[in-house]
């Protein structure tokens, strides 16, 4: 397989992809802009880091920390170290189908048919001879 040539994307293109992702999701943005989905995720991650970095620099100035740069790699390590993540709440709610009660009843009967009745469950007891005995599942 031939090696894939790497592309350099402009900041404007990346910002458009990030805006599109906010409304439509990572996969849709990847299809729309004809890029890999992992690239879209990476761009979003970089944008979040760029939001945190100026605040960190301002705090470092207040505390009088010298030679603090607060770049993207610092931001990623800081967030990993503190178990932080920036997530957006989902606003799109999946709606139930009109016949969901009927479907739920059909699924319940299907599951009940597939589950082995308690009278058919046996237990093997180890010893000199292997003994089979029924398990009392009524107490569960």
N, C-alpha and C. Protein backbone atom coordinates (compact mmCIF):
# COMPACT_ATOMS: atom_id res chain seq x y z
N UNK A 1 0.84 -1.17 0.00
CA UNK A 1 0.00 0.00 0.00
C UNK A 1 0.89 1.24 0.00
N UNK A 2 0.57 2.18 -0.84
CA UNK A 2 1.36 3.40 -0.98
C UNK A 2 1.17 4.29 0.24
N UNK A 3 2.22 4.99 0.67
CA UNK A 3 2.07 5.89 1.82
C UNK A 3 1.13 7.05 1.49
N UNK A 4 0.39 7.45 2.50
CA UNK A 4 -0.57 8.54 2.33
C UNK A 4 0.13 9.86 2.57
N UNK A 5 -0.08 10.80 1.68
CA UNK A 5 0.54 12.12 1.82
C UNK A 5 -0.19 12.90 2.90
N UNK A 6 0.56 13.56 3.73
CA UNK A 6 -0.02 14.35 4.82
C UNK A 6 -0.46 15.70 4.29
N UNK A 7 -1.55 16.21 4.85
CA UNK A 7 -2.08 17.50 4.43
C UNK A 7 -1.93 18.50 5.56
N UNK A 8 -1.69 19.73 5.20
CA UNK A 8 -1.67 20.83 6.16
C UNK A 8 -2.96 21.62 5.96
N UNK A 9 -3.74 21.75 7.03
CA UNK A 9 -5.01 22.45 6.94
C UNK A 9 -4.87 23.83 7.56
N UNK A 10 -5.53 24.80 6.98
CA UNK A 10 -5.48 26.17 7.49
C UNK A 10 -6.37 26.29 8.72
N UNK A 11 -6.08 27.28 9.53
CA UNK A 11 -6.83 27.49 10.77
C UNK A 11 -8.30 27.77 10.47
N UNK A 12 -8.58 28.51 9.41
CA UNK A 12 -9.96 28.82 9.05
C UNK A 12 -10.74 27.54 8.76
N UNK A 13 -10.12 26.61 8.05
CA UNK A 13 -10.75 25.33 7.72
C UNK A 13 -11.04 24.53 8.99
N UNK A 14 -10.07 24.53 9.91
CA UNK A 14 -10.25 23.79 11.16
C UNK A 14 -11.38 24.39 11.99
N UNK A 15 -11.45 25.72 12.05
CA UNK A 15 -12.51 26.37 12.82
C UNK A 15 -13.88 26.09 12.22
N UNK A 16 -13.96 26.07 10.90
CA UNK A 16 -15.23 25.72 10.25
C UNK A 16 -15.64 24.30 10.63
N UNK A 17 -14.68 23.38 10.61
CA UNK A 17 -14.97 21.99 10.96
C UNK A 17 -15.42 21.88 12.41
N UNK A 18 -14.80 22.65 13.30
CA UNK A 18 -15.17 22.61 14.72
C UNK A 18 -16.58 23.15 14.92
N UNK A 19 -16.92 24.24 14.24
CA UNK A 19 -18.28 24.79 14.34
C UNK A 19 -19.31 23.80 13.81
N UNK A 20 -19.00 23.17 12.69
CA UNK A 20 -19.91 22.18 12.11
C UNK A 20 -20.06 20.99 13.05
N UNK A 21 -18.98 20.62 13.73
CA UNK A 21 -19.00 19.49 14.66
C UNK A 21 -19.92 19.78 15.85
N UNK A 22 -19.92 21.02 16.31
CA UNK A 22 -20.75 21.36 17.46
C UNK A 22 -22.22 21.09 17.20
N UNK A 23 -22.66 21.26 15.97
CA UNK A 23 -24.07 21.06 15.64
C UNK A 23 -24.37 19.65 15.16
N UNK A 24 -23.43 19.04 14.43
CA UNK A 24 -23.73 17.79 13.74
C UNK A 24 -22.95 16.57 14.21
N UNK A 25 -21.91 16.75 15.02
CA UNK A 25 -21.14 15.61 15.50
C UNK A 25 -19.85 15.40 14.72
N UNK A 26 -18.97 14.59 15.30
CA UNK A 26 -17.64 14.35 14.72
C UNK A 26 -17.71 13.64 13.37
N UNK A 27 -18.50 12.58 13.31
CA UNK A 27 -18.54 11.78 12.08
C UNK A 27 -19.13 12.58 10.92
N UNK A 28 -20.19 13.32 11.21
CA UNK A 28 -20.81 14.12 10.15
C UNK A 28 -19.84 15.18 9.64
N UNK A 29 -19.10 15.80 10.56
CA UNK A 29 -18.12 16.81 10.15
C UNK A 29 -17.00 16.19 9.33
N UNK A 30 -16.58 15.00 9.71
CA UNK A 30 -15.52 14.32 8.96
C UNK A 30 -15.98 14.01 7.54
N UNK A 31 -17.22 13.56 7.40
CA UNK A 31 -17.75 13.28 6.06
C UNK A 31 -17.91 14.56 5.26
N UNK A 32 -18.41 15.61 5.91
CA UNK A 32 -18.68 16.87 5.22
C UNK A 32 -17.40 17.53 4.71
N UNK A 33 -16.35 17.52 5.53
CA UNK A 33 -15.10 18.18 5.16
C UNK A 33 -14.08 17.23 4.54
N UNK A 34 -14.46 15.97 4.38
CA UNK A 34 -13.62 14.96 3.73
C UNK A 34 -12.27 14.81 4.44
N UNK A 35 -12.35 14.67 5.77
CA UNK A 35 -11.16 14.41 6.58
C UNK A 35 -11.45 13.21 7.48
N UNK A 36 -10.43 12.74 8.14
CA UNK A 36 -10.59 11.62 9.06
C UNK A 36 -11.27 12.10 10.35
N UNK A 37 -12.07 11.23 10.95
CA UNK A 37 -12.78 11.61 12.17
C UNK A 37 -11.80 11.92 13.30
N UNK A 38 -10.70 11.20 13.35
CA UNK A 38 -9.72 11.45 14.41
C UNK A 38 -9.12 12.85 14.30
N UNK A 39 -9.01 13.37 13.08
CA UNK A 39 -8.51 14.73 12.90
C UNK A 39 -9.48 15.74 13.50
N UNK A 40 -10.76 15.51 13.29
CA UNK A 40 -11.77 16.43 13.85
C UNK A 40 -11.70 16.40 15.36
N UNK A 41 -11.60 15.21 15.96
CA UNK A 41 -11.49 15.10 17.41
C UNK A 41 -10.24 15.81 17.91
N UNK A 42 -9.14 15.65 17.20
CA UNK A 42 -7.88 16.29 17.58
C UNK A 42 -8.00 17.81 17.53
N UNK A 43 -8.64 18.33 16.50
CA UNK A 43 -8.82 19.78 16.39
C UNK A 43 -9.67 20.31 17.52
N UNK A 44 -10.72 19.58 17.90
CA UNK A 44 -11.57 20.02 19.01
C UNK A 44 -10.78 20.02 20.32
N UNK A 45 -9.95 19.01 20.50
CA UNK A 45 -9.13 18.92 21.70
C UNK A 45 -8.15 20.09 21.77
N UNK A 46 -7.56 20.43 20.63
CA UNK A 46 -6.63 21.56 20.59
C UNK A 46 -7.34 22.87 20.88
N UNK A 47 -8.56 23.01 20.42
CA UNK A 47 -9.30 24.24 20.68
C UNK A 47 -9.59 24.39 22.17
N UNK A 48 -9.98 23.28 22.82
CA UNK A 48 -10.24 23.34 24.25
C UNK A 48 -8.98 23.72 25.02
N UNK A 49 -7.85 23.19 24.58
CA UNK A 49 -6.58 23.52 25.24
C UNK A 49 -6.25 24.99 25.06
N UNK A 50 -6.57 25.54 23.91
CA UNK A 50 -6.27 26.95 23.67
C UNK A 50 -7.16 27.86 24.53
N UNK A 51 -8.30 27.36 25.00
CA UNK A 51 -9.14 28.15 25.89
C UNK A 51 -8.60 28.15 27.32
N UNK A 52 -7.98 27.06 27.73
CA UNK A 52 -7.48 26.94 29.09
C UNK A 52 -6.13 27.64 29.28
N UNK A 53 -5.33 27.68 28.25
CA UNK A 53 -3.97 28.20 28.34
C UNK A 53 -3.90 29.68 28.77
N UNK A 54 -4.70 30.59 28.20
CA UNK A 54 -4.62 32.00 28.65
C UNK A 54 -4.98 32.18 30.13
N UNK A 55 -5.94 31.40 30.62
CA UNK A 55 -6.29 31.51 32.04
C UNK A 55 -5.12 31.06 32.91
N UNK A 56 -4.46 29.98 32.49
CA UNK A 56 -3.32 29.48 33.25
C UNK A 56 -2.19 30.51 33.26
N UNK A 57 -1.97 31.18 32.14
CA UNK A 57 -0.92 32.20 32.08
C UNK A 57 -1.25 33.37 32.99
N UNK A 58 -2.52 33.76 33.04
CA UNK A 58 -2.92 34.87 33.91
C UNK A 58 -2.72 34.50 35.38
N UNK A 59 -3.07 33.28 35.74
CA UNK A 59 -2.88 32.84 37.13
C UNK A 59 -1.39 32.78 37.47
N UNK A 60 -0.58 32.32 36.52
CA UNK A 60 0.87 32.25 36.74
C UNK A 60 1.45 33.65 36.97
N UNK A 61 0.94 34.65 36.26
CA UNK A 61 1.41 36.03 36.47
C UNK A 61 1.01 36.54 37.85
N UNK A 62 -0.21 36.21 38.29
CA UNK A 62 -0.66 36.65 39.61
C UNK A 62 0.19 36.05 40.73
N UNK A 63 0.57 34.80 40.55
CA UNK A 63 1.35 34.11 41.58
C UNK A 63 2.84 34.40 41.43
N UNK A 64 3.23 35.12 40.42
CA UNK A 64 4.62 35.47 40.13
C UNK A 64 5.48 34.25 39.80
N UNK A 65 4.96 33.40 38.94
CA UNK A 65 5.73 32.26 38.44
C UNK A 65 6.45 32.71 37.18
N UNK A 66 7.77 32.57 37.19
CA UNK A 66 8.56 33.00 36.04
C UNK A 66 8.72 31.86 35.04
N UNK A 67 8.89 32.20 33.79
CA UNK A 67 9.16 31.26 32.70
C UNK A 67 8.04 30.23 32.52
N UNK A 68 6.82 30.63 32.77
CA UNK A 68 5.69 29.72 32.54
C UNK A 68 5.13 30.00 31.16
N UNK A 69 5.04 28.96 30.33
CA UNK A 69 4.54 29.14 28.98
C UNK A 69 3.10 28.66 28.84
N UNK A 70 2.73 27.59 29.49
CA UNK A 70 1.35 27.11 29.43
C UNK A 70 0.89 26.74 28.04
N UNK A 71 1.69 25.99 27.33
CA UNK A 71 1.34 25.59 25.97
C UNK A 71 0.36 24.42 25.95
N UNK A 72 0.05 23.93 24.76
CA UNK A 72 -0.91 22.83 24.63
C UNK A 72 -0.48 21.56 25.34
N UNK A 73 0.81 21.22 25.28
CA UNK A 73 1.26 20.00 25.94
C UNK A 73 1.11 20.12 27.46
N UNK A 74 1.39 21.31 28.01
CA UNK A 74 1.18 21.52 29.43
C UNK A 74 -0.29 21.34 29.77
N UNK A 75 -1.15 21.89 28.92
CA UNK A 75 -2.59 21.81 29.16
C UNK A 75 -3.07 20.35 29.18
N UNK A 76 -2.63 19.56 28.21
CA UNK A 76 -3.05 18.16 28.15
C UNK A 76 -2.56 17.39 29.37
N UNK A 77 -1.32 17.63 29.76
CA UNK A 77 -0.78 16.93 30.93
C UNK A 77 -1.49 17.37 32.21
N UNK A 78 -1.78 18.67 32.32
CA UNK A 78 -2.49 19.18 33.49
C UNK A 78 -3.87 18.54 33.60
N UNK A 79 -4.58 18.48 32.50
CA UNK A 79 -5.93 17.90 32.52
C UNK A 79 -5.88 16.41 32.84
N UNK A 80 -4.90 15.71 32.30
CA UNK A 80 -4.77 14.28 32.59
C UNK A 80 -4.41 14.07 34.07
N UNK A 81 -3.52 14.92 34.59
CA UNK A 81 -3.07 14.81 35.97
C UNK A 81 -4.20 15.06 36.95
N UNK A 82 -5.08 15.99 36.63
CA UNK A 82 -6.18 16.36 37.52
C UNK A 82 -7.51 15.67 37.17
N UNK A 83 -7.46 14.74 36.22
CA UNK A 83 -8.66 14.02 35.77
C UNK A 83 -9.76 14.98 35.34
N UNK A 84 -9.39 15.97 34.55
CA UNK A 84 -10.35 16.96 34.06
C UNK A 84 -10.72 16.65 32.62
N UNK A 85 -11.94 17.01 32.27
CA UNK A 85 -12.36 16.91 30.87
C UNK A 85 -13.37 18.01 30.62
N UNK A 86 -13.39 18.48 29.39
CA UNK A 86 -14.34 19.51 28.99
C UNK A 86 -15.34 18.83 28.08
N UNK A 87 -16.56 18.76 28.53
CA UNK A 87 -17.59 18.10 27.75
C UNK A 87 -18.78 19.02 27.60
N UNK A 88 -19.41 18.91 26.46
CA UNK A 88 -20.62 19.68 26.23
C UNK A 88 -21.82 18.77 26.46
N UNK A 89 -22.82 19.29 27.08
CA UNK A 89 -24.03 18.49 27.28
C UNK A 89 -24.73 18.29 25.96
N UNK A 90 -25.31 17.12 25.83
CA UNK A 90 -26.05 16.85 24.61
C UNK A 90 -27.42 17.50 24.71
N UNK A 91 -27.87 18.08 23.63
CA UNK A 91 -29.16 18.74 23.63
C UNK A 91 -30.18 17.99 22.81
N UNK A 92 -29.72 17.10 21.94
CA UNK A 92 -30.64 16.35 21.09
C UNK A 92 -31.08 15.12 21.86
N UNK A 93 -32.37 14.97 22.03
CA UNK A 93 -32.92 13.85 22.77
C UNK A 93 -33.53 12.88 21.79
N UNK A 94 -33.24 11.60 22.00
CA UNK A 94 -33.82 10.59 21.13
C UNK A 94 -35.26 10.35 21.57
N UNK A 95 -36.17 10.42 20.64
CA UNK A 95 -37.59 10.28 20.96
C UNK A 95 -38.02 8.83 20.85
N UNK A 96 -38.94 8.46 21.72
CA UNK A 96 -39.46 7.10 21.70
C UNK A 96 -40.40 6.92 20.52
N UNK A 97 -40.41 5.73 19.92
CA UNK A 97 -41.35 5.50 18.82
C UNK A 97 -42.78 5.48 19.35
N UNK A 98 -43.72 5.67 18.45
CA UNK A 98 -45.13 5.73 18.85
C UNK A 98 -45.59 4.42 19.46
N UNK A 99 -45.08 3.30 18.97
CA UNK A 99 -45.52 1.99 19.45
C UNK A 99 -44.51 1.37 20.41
N UNK A 100 -43.88 2.20 21.25
CA UNK A 100 -42.83 1.67 22.12
C UNK A 100 -43.37 0.71 23.17
N UNK A 101 -44.61 0.90 23.65
CA UNK A 101 -45.17 -0.01 24.66
C UNK A 101 -45.39 -1.40 24.06
N UNK A 102 -45.87 -1.42 22.84
CA UNK A 102 -46.08 -2.71 22.18
C UNK A 102 -44.74 -3.40 21.92
N UNK A 103 -43.76 -2.64 21.48
CA UNK A 103 -42.44 -3.22 21.23
C UNK A 103 -41.81 -3.73 22.51
N UNK A 104 -41.98 -2.99 23.60
CA UNK A 104 -41.43 -3.42 24.88
C UNK A 104 -42.07 -4.73 25.34
N UNK A 105 -43.38 -4.86 25.13
CA UNK A 105 -44.07 -6.09 25.51
C UNK A 105 -43.58 -7.27 24.67
N UNK A 106 -43.39 -7.04 23.38
CA UNK A 106 -42.89 -8.11 22.50
C UNK A 106 -41.47 -8.52 22.92
N UNK A 107 -40.63 -7.55 23.23
CA UNK A 107 -39.27 -7.85 23.65
C UNK A 107 -39.26 -8.61 24.97
N UNK A 108 -40.14 -8.24 25.88
CA UNK A 108 -40.22 -8.93 27.17
C UNK A 108 -40.61 -10.38 26.99
N UNK A 109 -41.61 -10.64 26.16
CA UNK A 109 -42.01 -12.03 25.92
C UNK A 109 -40.89 -12.81 25.22
N UNK A 110 -40.18 -12.16 24.31
CA UNK A 110 -39.06 -12.81 23.63
C UNK A 110 -37.99 -13.22 24.64
N UNK A 111 -37.66 -12.31 25.57
CA UNK A 111 -36.64 -12.61 26.58
C UNK A 111 -37.10 -13.72 27.51
N UNK A 112 -38.37 -13.69 27.90
CA UNK A 112 -38.89 -14.73 28.79
C UNK A 112 -38.85 -16.10 28.11
N UNK A 113 -39.07 -16.14 26.81
CA UNK A 113 -39.01 -17.41 26.08
C UNK A 113 -37.58 -17.93 25.99
N UNK A 114 -36.60 -17.03 25.90
CA UNK A 114 -35.21 -17.44 25.74
C UNK A 114 -34.55 -17.84 27.06
N UNK A 115 -35.02 -17.32 28.17
CA UNK A 115 -34.42 -17.61 29.47
C UNK A 115 -34.80 -19.02 29.88
N UNK A 116 -33.82 -19.79 30.36
CA UNK A 116 -34.06 -21.16 30.80
C UNK A 116 -34.89 -21.15 32.07
N UNK A 117 -35.96 -21.94 32.10
CA UNK A 117 -36.77 -22.01 33.32
C UNK A 117 -35.95 -22.57 34.48
N UNK A 118 -36.22 -22.15 35.71
CA UNK A 118 -35.44 -22.62 36.86
C UNK A 118 -35.47 -24.13 37.05
N UNK A 119 -36.49 -24.82 36.59
CA UNK A 119 -36.57 -26.26 36.79
C UNK A 119 -35.56 -27.02 35.94
N UNK A 120 -34.92 -26.36 34.98
CA UNK A 120 -33.96 -27.01 34.10
C UNK A 120 -32.51 -26.66 34.44
N UNK A 121 -32.27 -26.01 35.56
CA UNK A 121 -30.92 -25.63 35.96
C UNK A 121 -30.40 -26.66 36.96
N UNK A 122 -29.21 -27.17 36.70
CA UNK A 122 -28.60 -28.17 37.56
C UNK A 122 -27.25 -27.68 38.04
N UNK A 123 -26.78 -28.30 39.12
CA UNK A 123 -25.50 -27.93 39.70
C UNK A 123 -24.66 -29.19 39.85
N UNK A 124 -23.41 -29.13 39.46
CA UNK A 124 -22.50 -30.26 39.63
C UNK A 124 -21.73 -30.08 40.92
N UNK A 125 -21.83 -31.08 41.81
CA UNK A 125 -21.14 -31.02 43.09
C UNK A 125 -19.89 -31.88 42.98
N UNK A 126 -18.74 -31.29 43.25
CA UNK A 126 -17.48 -32.04 43.15
C UNK A 126 -17.32 -32.94 44.36
N UNK A 127 -16.80 -34.07 44.14
CA UNK A 127 -16.55 -35.05 45.20
C UNK A 127 -15.97 -36.30 44.58
N UNK A 128 -16.16 -37.42 45.26
CA UNK A 128 -15.68 -38.68 44.69
C UNK A 128 -16.43 -38.98 43.41
N UNK A 129 -17.70 -38.77 43.44
CA UNK A 129 -18.52 -38.94 42.26
C UNK A 129 -19.16 -37.61 41.93
N UNK A 130 -19.31 -37.35 40.68
CA UNK A 130 -19.97 -36.10 40.27
C UNK A 130 -21.46 -36.28 40.44
N UNK A 131 -22.06 -35.51 41.28
CA UNK A 131 -23.49 -35.61 41.53
C UNK A 131 -24.19 -34.41 40.90
N UNK A 132 -25.30 -34.66 40.30
CA UNK A 132 -26.10 -33.59 39.72
C UNK A 132 -27.32 -33.40 40.59
N UNK A 133 -27.61 -32.19 40.92
CA UNK A 133 -28.82 -31.91 41.68
C UNK A 133 -29.42 -30.61 41.18
N UNK A 134 -30.71 -30.49 41.40
CA UNK A 134 -31.41 -29.29 40.97
C UNK A 134 -31.10 -28.13 41.89
N UNK A 135 -31.09 -26.95 41.31
CA UNK A 135 -30.85 -25.73 42.08
C UNK A 135 -32.19 -25.10 42.37
N UNK A 136 -32.38 -24.68 43.62
CA UNK A 136 -33.63 -24.03 43.99
C UNK A 136 -33.52 -22.55 43.66
N UNK A 137 -34.17 -22.14 42.58
CA UNK A 137 -34.13 -20.73 42.15
C UNK A 137 -35.33 -19.95 42.63
N UNK A 138 -36.23 -20.60 43.36
CA UNK A 138 -37.45 -19.90 43.77
C UNK A 138 -37.15 -18.85 44.83
N UNK A 139 -36.08 -19.04 45.57
CA UNK A 139 -35.76 -18.09 46.62
C UNK A 139 -35.12 -16.82 46.11
N UNK A 140 -34.80 -16.76 44.82
CA UNK A 140 -34.14 -15.58 44.27
C UNK A 140 -35.10 -14.46 44.02
